[in-house]
Amino acid sequence: MFNFRIHQSFRLLAITLCVLLKLSLPQAHAGVNSPLQQQTILVLGDSISAGFGIDKEQGWVALLEKKLKDNDFQTTLINASISGETTSGGANRLKTILKKHKPNLVILELGGNDGLRGTPIKLMTQNLGYMIDLSRKSGAKVLLLGMRIPPNYGQTYSERFANQYQQLASDYNVQLVPFLLSGIAGQAGMMQADGIHPTMNAQPIMVRSVWTVLLSLIEI
C-alpha cells in the first residue's frame, strides 16, 4: 500500500509538470515570433519627413513603415510632420498629439527651418529639450534626428546648430542619428533643385540611417 501511494504521488507530479510545460509553450513561442508587441511610433518633423516635392508613398517615413511591416514588427506609424514646421510649432502641437496617439516611441526631426531662419540656438535647444522631456514623461522613448545647415549662415552658427543635437542626446540620454542627410547632402541627384529637400532617390538612404538606431529602441 505504501509503494502504491508513492507511485501515485510521482504520477500526479509528472502530470502536473506536463500541464505546466504545455501552458508555457505558447507564451515562449509568441515571444519568438513577435519581436515587438503592438506599438505606436510617432514621427514629428518638417517638410523632409512630410515628403515635400515627392510622392508621399516614396518618402522615408512611408518606406520605414513598410520596412517595419516587412520585418514583422507590429507597429502603427503616425506621421505628424508638416512642411515649414519649426521647433516652436512642434513644441506647441506635441502635447495634443501625444494625448491622442499615446506613442511608445517619438522620432523628432525638427530644427532645419529654425536654422534657415537664423533662430537663436538657445531657443531651438529649449524647444527640443521640452519635446524630449514631454515625450518621455508620457511614457515614450525618443529618437532624435540631427540636421545641419549650409556654412553660408556663418561657421560659428552652423557648428553650434549641429552640435546642439549631440548635446541634447547627451544631456537627455536619448538615441541620436547625428545627421539625417548623411551621404545625401551635396551628392549629385540626391537633392531637389532648391538644394534643401532630398529627392526620391535619397529616401532609402535616410531609412537606412534611421533603421539601425531604431532597432535598439523597439526590440524586446
C-alpha atoms as a PDB file:
ATOM      1  CA  MET A   1       0.000   0.000   0.000  1.00  0.00           C
ATOM      2  CA  PHE A   2       2.867   2.382   0.854  1.00  0.00           C
ATOM      3  CA  ASN A   3       4.607   1.753  -2.503  1.00  0.00           C
ATOM      4  CA  PHE A   4       1.310   2.256  -4.328  1.00  0.00           C
ATOM      5  CA  ARG A   5       0.870   5.695  -2.735  1.00  0.00           C
ATOM      6  CA  ILE A   6       4.421   6.713  -3.682  1.00  0.00           C
ATOM      7  CA  HIS A   7       3.779   5.599  -7.250  1.00  0.00           C
ATOM      8  CA  GLN A   8       0.555   7.598  -7.393  1.00  0.00           C
ATOM      9  CA  SER A   9       2.316  10.709  -5.996  1.00  0.00           C
ATOM     10  CA  PHE A  10       5.025  10.557  -8.653  1.00  0.00           C
ATOM     11  CA  ARG A  11       2.395  10.002 -11.345  1.00  0.00           C
ATOM     12  CA  LEU A  12       0.452  13.097 -10.230  1.00  0.00           C
ATOM     13  CA  LEU A  13       3.659  15.139 -10.110  1.00  0.00           C
ATOM     14  CA  ALA A  14       4.562  14.083 -13.661  1.00  0.00           C
ATOM     15  CA  ILE A  15       1.110  15.017 -14.947  1.00  0.00           C
ATOM     16  CA  THR A  16       1.288  18.419 -13.242  1.00  0.00           C
ATOM     17  CA  LEU A  17       4.702  19.174 -14.766  1.00  0.00           C
ATOM     18  CA  CYS A  18       3.463  18.237 -18.236  1.00  0.00           C
ATOM     19  CA  VAL A  19       0.459  20.556 -17.909  1.00  0.00           C
ATOM     20  CA  LEU A  20       2.613  23.451 -16.748  1.00  0.00           C
ATOM     21  CA  LEU A  21       5.064  22.888 -19.598  1.00  0.00           C
ATOM     22  CA  LYS A  22       2.284  22.931 -22.203  1.00  0.00           C
ATOM     23  CA  LEU A  23       0.862  26.118 -20.759  1.00  0.00           C
ATOM     24  CA  SER A  24       4.217  27.874 -21.002  1.00  0.00           C
ATOM     25  CA  LEU A  25       4.965  26.852 -24.594  1.00  0.00           C
ATOM     26  CA  PRO A  26       2.508  29.248 -26.374  1.00  0.00           C
ATOM     27  CA  GLN A  27       3.943  32.211 -24.459  1.00  0.00           C
ATOM     28  CA  ALA A  28       7.508  31.284 -25.322  1.00  0.00           C
ATOM     29  CA  HIS A  29       6.542  30.706 -28.951  1.00  0.00           C
ATOM     30  CA  ALA A  30       4.812  34.092 -29.133  1.00  0.00           C
ATOM     31  CA  GLY A  31       7.924  35.744 -27.783  1.00  0.00           C
ATOM     32  CA  VAL A  32       9.988  34.298 -30.629  1.00  0.00           C
ATOM     33  CA  ASN A  33       7.571  35.193 -33.404  1.00  0.00           C
ATOM     34  CA  SER A  34       6.530  38.601 -32.087  1.00  0.00           C
ATOM     35  CA  PRO A  35       9.715  40.698 -31.757  1.00  0.00           C
ATOM     36  CA  LEU A  36       7.536  43.665 -30.923  1.00  0.00           C
ATOM     37  CA  GLN A  37       4.127  43.805 -29.295  1.00  0.00           C
ATOM     38  CA  GLN A  38       1.726  46.284 -30.872  1.00  0.00           C
ATOM     39  CA  GLN A  39       3.308  49.693 -30.542  1.00  0.00           C
ATOM     40  CA  THR A  40       2.829  53.172 -31.973  1.00  0.00           C
ATOM     41  CA  ILE A  41       5.650  55.221 -33.447  1.00  0.00           C
ATOM     42  CA  LEU A  42       5.169  58.959 -33.898  1.00  0.00           C
ATOM     43  CA  VAL A  43       7.262  60.998 -36.322  1.00  0.00           C
ATOM     44  CA  LEU A  44       7.192  64.725 -35.642  1.00  0.00           C
ATOM     45  CA  GLY A  45       9.105  66.590 -38.310  1.00  0.00           C
ATOM     46  CA  ASP A  46       9.119  69.189 -41.051  1.00  0.00           C
ATOM     47  CA  SER A  47       8.996  69.026 -44.859  1.00  0.00           C
ATOM     48  CA  ILE A  48      11.810  66.465 -45.016  1.00  0.00           C
ATOM     49  CA  SER A  49       9.637  63.973 -43.145  1.00  0.00           C
ATOM     50  CA  ALA A  50       6.399  65.212 -44.748  1.00  0.00           C
ATOM     51  CA  GLY A  51       7.775  64.214 -48.172  1.00  0.00           C
ATOM     52  CA  PHE A  52       7.913  67.635 -49.788  1.00  0.00           C
ATOM     53  CA  GLY A  53       8.263  67.532 -53.581  1.00  0.00           C
ATOM     54  CA  ILE A  54       7.921  63.763 -53.934  1.00  0.00           C
ATOM     55  CA  ASP A  55       5.223  61.104 -53.847  1.00  0.00           C
ATOM     56  CA  LYS A  56       4.331  60.721 -50.167  1.00  0.00           C
ATOM     57  CA  GLU A  57       4.386  56.937 -50.530  1.00  0.00           C
ATOM     58  CA  GLN A  58       8.051  57.196 -51.512  1.00  0.00           C
ATOM     59  CA  GLY A  59       9.014  59.379 -48.542  1.00  0.00           C
ATOM     60  CA  TRP A  60      11.368  57.995 -45.926  1.00  0.00           C
ATOM     61  CA  VAL A  61       8.628  57.739 -43.279  1.00  0.00           C
ATOM     62  CA  ALA A  62       6.385  55.662 -45.563  1.00  0.00           C
ATOM     63  CA  LEU A  63       9.363  53.483 -46.528  1.00  0.00           C
ATOM     64  CA  LEU A  64      10.205  52.999 -42.854  1.00  0.00           C
ATOM     65  CA  GLU A  65       6.639  51.891 -42.151  1.00  0.00           C
ATOM     66  CA  LYS A  66       6.870  49.347 -44.977  1.00  0.00           C
ATOM     67  CA  LYS A  67      10.221  48.065 -43.724  1.00  0.00           C
ATOM     68  CA  LEU A  68       8.805  47.555 -40.236  1.00  0.00           C
ATOM     69  CA  LYS A  69       5.886  45.555 -41.624  1.00  0.00           C
ATOM     70  CA  ASP A  70       8.165  43.519 -43.903  1.00  0.00           C
ATOM     71  CA  ASN A  71      10.188  42.603 -40.817  1.00  0.00           C
ATOM     72  CA  ASP A  72       7.069  41.522 -38.904  1.00  0.00           C
ATOM     73  CA  PHE A  73       7.069  44.388 -36.422  1.00  0.00           C
ATOM     74  CA  GLN A  74       3.555  45.053 -35.171  1.00  0.00           C
ATOM     75  CA  THR A  75       3.624  48.832 -35.338  1.00  0.00           C
ATOM     76  CA  THR A  76       1.361  51.725 -36.153  1.00  0.00           C
ATOM     77  CA  LEU A  77       3.316  54.652 -37.561  1.00  0.00           C
ATOM     78  CA  ILE A  78       1.850  58.147 -37.248  1.00  0.00           C
ATOM     79  CA  ASN A  79       3.427  60.856 -39.390  1.00  0.00           C
ATOM     80  CA  ALA A  80       2.587  64.222 -37.814  1.00  0.00           C
ATOM     81  CA  SER A  81       5.146  66.113 -39.896  1.00  0.00           C
ATOM     82  CA  ILE A  82       4.237  69.431 -41.524  1.00  0.00           C
ATOM     83  CA  SER A  83       6.123  71.366 -44.187  1.00  0.00           C
ATOM     84  CA  GLY A  84       7.556  74.543 -42.700  1.00  0.00           C
ATOM     85  CA  GLU A  85       7.353  73.255 -39.134  1.00  0.00           C
ATOM     86  CA  THR A  86       9.714  74.737 -36.548  1.00  0.00           C
ATOM     87  CA  THR A  87      10.750  73.563 -33.091  1.00  0.00           C
ATOM     88  CA  SER A  88       8.361  76.134 -31.604  1.00  0.00           C
ATOM     89  CA  GLY A  89       5.477  74.815 -33.695  1.00  0.00           C
ATOM     90  CA  GLY A  90       6.308  71.242 -32.806  1.00  0.00           C
ATOM     91  CA  ALA A  91       6.519  72.091 -29.123  1.00  0.00           C
ATOM     92  CA  ASN A  92       3.084  73.720 -29.288  1.00  0.00           C
ATOM     93  CA  ARG A  93       1.496  70.733 -31.044  1.00  0.00           C
ATOM     94  CA  LEU A  94       3.163  67.822 -29.299  1.00  0.00           C
ATOM     95  CA  LYS A  95       1.121  67.628 -26.101  1.00  0.00           C
ATOM     96  CA  THR A  96      -2.132  67.214 -28.040  1.00  0.00           C
ATOM     97  CA  ILE A  97      -0.589  64.646 -30.392  1.00  0.00           C
ATOM     98  CA  LEU A  98       0.810  62.590 -27.517  1.00  0.00           C
ATOM     99  CA  LYS A  99      -2.560  62.578 -25.791  1.00  0.00           C
ATOM    100  CA  LYS A 100      -4.324  61.456 -28.969  1.00  0.00           C
ATOM    101  CA  HIS A 101      -1.973  58.717 -30.172  1.00  0.00           C
ATOM    102  CA  LYS A 102      -0.150  57.622 -26.983  1.00  0.00           C
ATOM    103  CA  PRO A 103       3.027  56.594 -28.837  1.00  0.00           C
ATOM    104  CA  ASN A 104       5.631  54.212 -27.468  1.00  0.00           C
ATOM    105  CA  LEU A 105       8.352  55.946 -29.474  1.00  0.00           C
ATOM    106  CA  VAL A 106       8.682  59.530 -30.698  1.00  0.00           C
ATOM    107  CA  ILE A 107      11.043  60.368 -33.575  1.00  0.00           C
ATOM    108  CA  LEU A 108      11.892  64.085 -33.563  1.00  0.00           C
ATOM    109  CA  GLU A 109      13.082  65.586 -36.858  1.00  0.00           C
ATOM    110  CA  LEU A 110      12.952  69.329 -36.321  1.00  0.00           C
ATOM    111  CA  GLY A 111      15.243  72.326 -36.367  1.00  0.00           C
ATOM    112  CA  GLY A 112      16.057  72.729 -40.051  1.00  0.00           C
ATOM    113  CA  ASN A 113      13.582  75.555 -40.607  1.00  0.00           C
ATOM    114  CA  ASP A 114      14.724  77.261 -37.412  1.00  0.00           C
ATOM    115  CA  GLY A 115      18.280  77.218 -38.713  1.00  0.00           C
ATOM    116  CA  LEU A 116      17.329  78.599 -42.109  1.00  0.00           C
ATOM    117  CA  ARG A 117      15.566  81.475 -40.321  1.00  0.00           C
ATOM    118  CA  GLY A 118      18.515  82.169 -38.060  1.00  0.00           C
ATOM    119  CA  THR A 119      16.571  81.299 -34.908  1.00  0.00           C
ATOM    120  CA  PRO A 120      18.740  81.579 -31.764  1.00  0.00           C
ATOM    121  CA  ILE A 121      20.331  78.222 -30.909  1.00  0.00           C
ATOM    122  CA  LYS A 122      19.294  78.584 -27.275  1.00  0.00           C
ATOM    123  CA  LEU A 123      15.611  78.772 -28.224  1.00  0.00           C
ATOM    124  CA  MET A 124      15.848  75.744 -30.512  1.00  0.00           C
ATOM    125  CA  THR A 125      17.620  73.730 -27.842  1.00  0.00           C
ATOM    126  CA  GLN A 126      14.995  74.682 -25.262  1.00  0.00           C
ATOM    127  CA  ASN A 127      12.186  73.638 -27.600  1.00  0.00           C
ATOM    128  CA  LEU A 128      13.787  70.313 -28.496  1.00  0.00           C
ATOM    129  CA  GLY A 129      14.578  69.627 -24.853  1.00  0.00           C
ATOM    130  CA  TYR A 130      10.990  70.378 -23.913  1.00  0.00           C
ATOM    131  CA  MET A 131       9.719  67.936 -26.554  1.00  0.00           C
ATOM    132  CA  ILE A 132      12.109  65.212 -25.424  1.00  0.00           C
ATOM    133  CA  ASP A 133      11.078  65.698 -21.805  1.00  0.00           C
ATOM    134  CA  LEU A 134       7.370  65.815 -22.645  1.00  0.00           C
ATOM    135  CA  SER A 135       7.613  62.645 -24.730  1.00  0.00           C
ATOM    136  CA  ARG A 136       9.440  60.741 -22.032  1.00  0.00           C
ATOM    137  CA  LYS A 137       7.008  61.856 -19.341  1.00  0.00           C
ATOM    138  CA  SER A 138       4.213  60.435 -21.485  1.00  0.00           C
ATOM    139  CA  GLY A 139       5.979  57.072 -21.399  1.00  0.00           C
ATOM    140  CA  ALA A 140       7.558  57.197 -24.868  1.00  0.00           C
ATOM    141  CA  LYS A 141      11.149  56.595 -25.858  1.00  0.00           C
ATOM    142  CA  VAL A 142      12.764  59.260 -28.052  1.00  0.00           C
ATOM    143  CA  LEU A 143      14.903  59.115 -31.175  1.00  0.00           C
ATOM    144  CA  LEU A 144      16.418  62.472 -32.163  1.00  0.00           C
ATOM    145  CA  LEU A 145      17.338  63.103 -35.805  1.00  0.00           C
ATOM    146  CA  GLY A 146      20.086  65.659 -36.232  1.00  0.00           C
ATOM    147  CA  MET A 147      20.298  68.203 -39.011  1.00  0.00           C
ATOM    148  CA  ARG A 148      22.875  70.640 -40.393  1.00  0.00           C
ATOM    149  CA  ILE A 149      22.642  73.904 -42.271  1.00  0.00           C
ATOM    150  CA  PRO A 150      24.881  75.357 -45.018  1.00  0.00           C
ATOM    151  CA  PRO A 151      28.070  77.108 -43.840  1.00  0.00           C
ATOM    152  CA  ASN A 152      26.994  80.358 -45.536  1.00  0.00           C
ATOM    153  CA  TYR A 153      24.947  81.047 -42.392  1.00  0.00           C
ATOM    154  CA  GLY A 154      28.253  81.591 -40.626  1.00  0.00           C
ATOM    155  CA  GLN A 155      30.689  78.966 -39.403  1.00  0.00           C
ATOM    156  CA  THR A 156      30.046  79.603 -35.715  1.00  0.00           C
ATOM    157  CA  TYR A 157      26.267  79.446 -36.058  1.00  0.00           C
ATOM    158  CA  SER A 158      26.405  76.350 -38.309  1.00  0.00           C
ATOM    159  CA  GLU A 159      28.668  74.489 -35.885  1.00  0.00           C
ATOM    160  CA  ARG A 160      26.577  75.383 -32.859  1.00  0.00           C
ATOM    161  CA  PHE A 161      23.462  74.341 -34.746  1.00  0.00           C
ATOM    162  CA  ALA A 162      24.853  70.864 -35.496  1.00  0.00           C
ATOM    163  CA  ASN A 163      26.394  70.440 -32.045  1.00  0.00           C
ATOM    164  CA  GLN A 164      23.123  71.111 -30.223  1.00  0.00           C
ATOM    165  CA  TYR A 165      21.806  67.698 -31.267  1.00  0.00           C
ATOM    166  CA  GLN A 166      24.822  65.909 -29.809  1.00  0.00           C
ATOM    167  CA  GLN A 167      24.490  67.921 -26.614  1.00  0.00           C
ATOM    168  CA  LEU A 168      20.781  67.194 -26.300  1.00  0.00           C
ATOM    169  CA  ALA A 169      21.351  63.469 -26.832  1.00  0.00           C
ATOM    170  CA  SER A 170      23.973  63.523 -24.097  1.00  0.00           C
ATOM    171  CA  ASP A 171      22.008  65.683 -21.652  1.00  0.00           C
ATOM    172  CA  TYR A 172      18.772  63.710 -22.005  1.00  0.00           C
ATOM    173  CA  ASN A 173      20.366  60.316 -22.665  1.00  0.00           C
ATOM    174  CA  VAL A 174      18.431  59.674 -25.873  1.00  0.00           C
ATOM    175  CA  GLN A 175      19.414  57.930 -29.089  1.00  0.00           C
ATOM    176  CA  LEU A 176      20.617  60.130 -31.944  1.00  0.00           C
ATOM    177  CA  VAL A 177      21.089  59.960 -35.694  1.00  0.00           C
ATOM    178  CA  PRO A 178      23.715  62.737 -35.949  1.00  0.00           C
ATOM    179  CA  PHE A 179      22.794  63.878 -39.470  1.00  0.00           C
ATOM    180  CA  LEU A 180      19.722  62.552 -41.276  1.00  0.00           C
ATOM    181  CA  LEU A 181      21.044  63.667 -44.665  1.00  0.00           C
ATOM    182  CA  SER A 182      24.436  61.992 -44.297  1.00  0.00           C
ATOM    183  CA  GLY A 183      25.530  60.671 -47.701  1.00  0.00           C
ATOM    184  CA  ILE A 184      22.834  62.777 -49.349  1.00  0.00           C
ATOM    185  CA  ALA A 185      23.605  66.488 -48.923  1.00  0.00           C
ATOM    186  CA  GLY A 186      25.893  67.703 -51.682  1.00  0.00           C
ATOM    187  CA  GLN A 187      25.613  64.479 -53.685  1.00  0.00           C
ATOM    188  CA  ALA A 188      24.508  64.567 -57.320  1.00  0.00           C
ATOM    189  CA  GLY A 189      20.894  63.520 -57.852  1.00  0.00           C
ATOM    190  CA  MET A 190      20.142  63.398 -54.143  1.00  0.00           C
ATOM    191  CA  MET A 191      18.778  66.897 -53.584  1.00  0.00           C
ATOM    192  CA  GLN A 192      15.927  68.710 -55.302  1.00  0.00           C
ATOM    193  CA  ALA A 193      16.521  71.928 -57.233  1.00  0.00           C
ATOM    194  CA  ASP A 194      16.076  74.032 -54.078  1.00  0.00           C
ATOM    195  CA  GLY A 195      19.109  72.368 -52.525  1.00  0.00           C
ATOM    196  CA  ILE A 196      17.172  71.785 -49.307  1.00  0.00           C
ATOM    197  CA  HIS A 197      14.856  68.839 -49.858  1.00  0.00           C
ATOM    198  CA  PRO A 198      16.061  65.314 -50.707  1.00  0.00           C
ATOM    199  CA  THR A 199      14.899  63.587 -53.884  1.00  0.00           C
ATOM    200  CA  MET A 200      13.054  60.287 -54.110  1.00  0.00           C
ATOM    201  CA  ASN A 201      16.397  58.512 -54.645  1.00  0.00           C
ATOM    202  CA  ALA A 202      17.628  59.779 -51.281  1.00  0.00           C
ATOM    203  CA  GLN A 203      14.739  58.407 -49.227  1.00  0.00           C
ATOM    204  CA  PRO A 204      16.019  54.802 -48.838  1.00  0.00           C
ATOM    205  CA  ILE A 205      19.353  56.163 -47.601  1.00  0.00           C
ATOM    206  CA  MET A 206      17.553  58.084 -44.890  1.00  0.00           C
ATOM    207  CA  VAL A 207      15.690  54.949 -43.862  1.00  0.00           C
ATOM    208  CA  ARG A 208      18.988  53.076 -43.531  1.00  0.00           C
ATOM    209  CA  SER A 209      20.374  55.854 -41.350  1.00  0.00           C
ATOM    210  CA  VAL A 210      17.387  55.576 -39.006  1.00  0.00           C
ATOM    211  CA  TRP A 211      16.873  51.807 -39.089  1.00  0.00           C
ATOM    212  CA  THR A 212      19.843  50.556 -37.064  1.00  0.00           C
ATOM    213  CA  VAL A 213      19.316  53.051 -34.270  1.00  0.00           C
ATOM    214  CA  LEU A 214      15.568  52.456 -34.318  1.00  0.00           C
ATOM    215  CA  LEU A 215      16.029  48.721 -33.757  1.00  0.00           C
ATOM    216  CA  SER A 216      17.816  49.348 -30.480  1.00  0.00           C
ATOM    217  CA  LEU A 217      14.693  51.144 -29.242  1.00  0.00           C
ATOM    218  CA  ILE A 218      11.954  48.770 -30.356  1.00  0.00           C
ATOM    219  CA  GLU A 219      13.427  45.281 -29.952  1.00  0.00           C
ATOM    220  CA  ILE A 220      12.428  43.399 -26.805  1.00  0.00           C
END
